[in-house]
Amino acid sequence: MTDDRARAPTWHLAQVNIADPRAPLDSPELAELVANLDPVNALADASPGFVW
């Protein structure tokens, strides 16, 4: 008998976020968001178990 908790998962939970920005990505209104995309994505990439 095997312990199911010891096995690696065979599936991934996915989430999709869809946004409809109120301004263009190069606008001053979204400058802070755009400036933080790379750092946030780098943090995600470095997180154990994170899958794109």
N, C-alpha and C. Protein backbone atom coordinates (compact mmCIF):
# COMPACT_ATOMS: atom_id res chain seq x y z
N MET A 1 0.85 -1.18 0.00
CA MET A 1 0.00 0.00 0.00
C MET A 1 0.90 1.24 0.00
N THR A 2 0.54 2.23 -0.80
CA THR A 2 1.35 3.45 -0.87
C THR A 2 0.63 4.59 -0.15
N ASP A 3 1.42 5.50 0.32
CA ASP A 3 0.89 6.69 0.98
C ASP A 3 0.72 7.78 -0.07
N ASP A 4 -0.52 8.17 -0.37
CA ASP A 4 -0.79 9.17 -1.42
C ASP A 4 -0.11 10.50 -1.14
N ARG A 5 0.13 10.82 0.11
CA ARG A 5 0.77 12.09 0.44
C ARG A 5 2.23 12.12 0.04
N ALA A 6 2.85 10.98 -0.15
CA ALA A 6 4.27 10.91 -0.49
C ALA A 6 4.51 11.03 -1.99
N ARG A 7 3.48 10.88 -2.78
CA ARG A 7 3.65 10.95 -4.24
C ARG A 7 3.61 12.39 -4.72
N ALA A 8 4.34 12.65 -5.79
CA ALA A 8 4.30 13.98 -6.40
C ALA A 8 2.95 14.15 -7.09
N PRO A 9 2.42 15.36 -7.09
CA PRO A 9 1.13 15.57 -7.76
C PRO A 9 1.24 15.32 -9.26
N THR A 10 0.18 14.83 -9.83
CA THR A 10 0.15 14.57 -11.26
C THR A 10 -0.68 15.61 -12.00
N TRP A 11 -1.05 16.67 -11.31
CA TRP A 11 -1.85 17.73 -11.90
C TRP A 11 -1.42 19.06 -11.32
N HIS A 12 -1.84 20.13 -11.96
CA HIS A 12 -1.55 21.49 -11.49
C HIS A 12 -2.85 22.27 -11.43
N LEU A 13 -2.98 23.11 -10.44
CA LEU A 13 -4.12 24.00 -10.33
C LEU A 13 -3.79 25.27 -11.11
N ALA A 14 -4.65 25.66 -12.01
CA ALA A 14 -4.40 26.83 -12.85
C ALA A 14 -5.36 27.96 -12.49
N GLN A 15 -4.86 29.16 -12.65
CA GLN A 15 -5.68 30.35 -12.45
C GLN A 15 -5.40 31.30 -13.59
N VAL A 16 -6.43 31.92 -14.09
CA VAL A 16 -6.28 32.89 -15.16
C VAL A 16 -6.86 34.21 -14.69
N ASN A 17 -6.07 35.24 -14.82
CA ASN A 17 -6.54 36.58 -14.50
C ASN A 17 -6.60 37.38 -15.80
N ILE A 18 -7.76 37.89 -16.08
CA ILE A 18 -7.96 38.68 -17.30
C ILE A 18 -8.28 40.10 -16.88
N ALA A 19 -7.54 41.04 -17.45
CA ALA A 19 -7.75 42.44 -17.10
C ALA A 19 -8.08 43.25 -18.34
N ASP A 20 -8.88 44.24 -18.15
CA ASP A 20 -9.19 45.20 -19.21
C ASP A 20 -8.69 46.55 -18.71
N PRO A 21 -7.44 46.88 -19.04
CA PRO A 21 -6.87 48.12 -18.49
C PRO A 21 -7.64 49.35 -18.93
N ARG A 22 -7.69 50.30 -18.04
CA ARG A 22 -8.40 51.55 -18.33
C ARG A 22 -7.53 52.55 -19.06
N ALA A 23 -6.26 52.20 -19.21
CA ALA A 23 -5.31 53.08 -19.89
C ALA A 23 -4.28 52.21 -20.60
N PRO A 24 -3.58 52.76 -21.58
CA PRO A 24 -2.53 51.99 -22.26
C PRO A 24 -1.40 51.63 -21.29
N LEU A 25 -0.71 50.54 -21.58
CA LEU A 25 0.38 50.10 -20.70
C LEU A 25 1.50 51.12 -20.56
N ASP A 26 1.66 51.99 -21.54
CA ASP A 26 2.72 53.00 -21.46
C ASP A 26 2.22 54.33 -20.88
N SER A 27 1.04 54.32 -20.27
CA SER A 27 0.49 55.54 -19.70
C SER A 27 1.02 55.76 -18.28
N PRO A 28 0.99 57.00 -17.81
CA PRO A 28 1.41 57.29 -16.43
C PRO A 28 0.55 56.56 -15.39
N GLU A 29 -0.71 56.33 -15.71
CA GLU A 29 -1.61 55.65 -14.76
C GLU A 29 -1.16 54.22 -14.46
N LEU A 30 -0.54 53.57 -15.41
CA LEU A 30 -0.12 52.17 -15.22
C LEU A 30 1.39 52.02 -15.05
N ALA A 31 2.10 53.12 -14.91
CA ALA A 31 3.56 53.08 -14.82
C ALA A 31 4.04 52.23 -13.64
N GLU A 32 3.42 52.38 -12.48
CA GLU A 32 3.84 51.60 -11.31
C GLU A 32 3.60 50.11 -11.52
N LEU A 33 2.46 49.77 -12.08
CA LEU A 33 2.16 48.36 -12.37
C LEU A 33 3.19 47.78 -13.34
N VAL A 34 3.43 48.47 -14.43
CA VAL A 34 4.36 47.98 -15.44
C VAL A 34 5.77 47.87 -14.87
N ALA A 35 6.16 48.82 -14.04
CA ALA A 35 7.50 48.80 -13.44
C ALA A 35 7.69 47.60 -12.51
N ASN A 36 6.61 47.09 -11.97
CA ASN A 36 6.71 45.97 -11.03
C ASN A 36 6.46 44.60 -11.65
N LEU A 37 6.16 44.54 -12.92
CA LEU A 37 5.90 43.25 -13.55
C LEU A 37 7.11 42.33 -13.50
N ASP A 38 8.27 42.82 -13.87
CA ASP A 38 9.47 41.97 -13.87
C ASP A 38 9.84 41.49 -12.47
N PRO A 39 9.86 42.36 -11.45
CA PRO A 39 10.17 41.86 -10.11
C PRO A 39 9.16 40.83 -9.59
N VAL A 40 7.90 41.05 -9.86
CA VAL A 40 6.88 40.09 -9.41
C VAL A 40 7.03 38.76 -10.15
N ASN A 41 7.27 38.82 -11.45
CA ASN A 41 7.47 37.59 -12.21
C ASN A 41 8.74 36.86 -11.77
N ALA A 42 9.78 37.60 -11.43
CA ALA A 42 11.02 36.97 -10.95
C ALA A 42 10.77 36.26 -9.61
N LEU A 43 9.98 36.88 -8.75
CA LEU A 43 9.63 36.26 -7.48
C LEU A 43 8.85 34.97 -7.72
N ALA A 44 7.93 35.01 -8.65
CA ALA A 44 7.16 33.81 -8.98
C ALA A 44 8.07 32.71 -9.52
N ASP A 45 8.96 33.08 -10.42
CA ASP A 45 9.89 32.10 -11.00
C ASP A 45 10.76 31.44 -9.93
N ALA A 46 11.11 32.19 -8.90
CA ALA A 46 11.99 31.67 -7.85
C ALA A 46 11.23 30.88 -6.78
N SER A 47 9.92 30.91 -6.83
CA SER A 47 9.12 30.23 -5.80
C SER A 47 9.01 28.74 -6.09
N PRO A 48 9.31 27.91 -5.09
CA PRO A 48 9.22 26.46 -5.27
C PRO A 48 7.80 26.05 -5.65
N GLY A 49 7.70 25.24 -6.67
CA GLY A 49 6.41 24.72 -7.09
C GLY A 49 5.64 25.60 -8.04
N PHE A 50 6.12 26.82 -8.29
CA PHE A 50 5.40 27.70 -9.20
C PHE A 50 5.59 27.22 -10.63
N VAL A 51 4.51 27.17 -11.38
CA VAL A 51 4.55 26.73 -12.78
C VAL A 51 3.84 27.77 -13.63
N TRP A 52 4.50 28.20 -14.68
CA TRP A 52 3.84 29.14 -15.60
C TRP A 52 2.88 28.40 -16.46
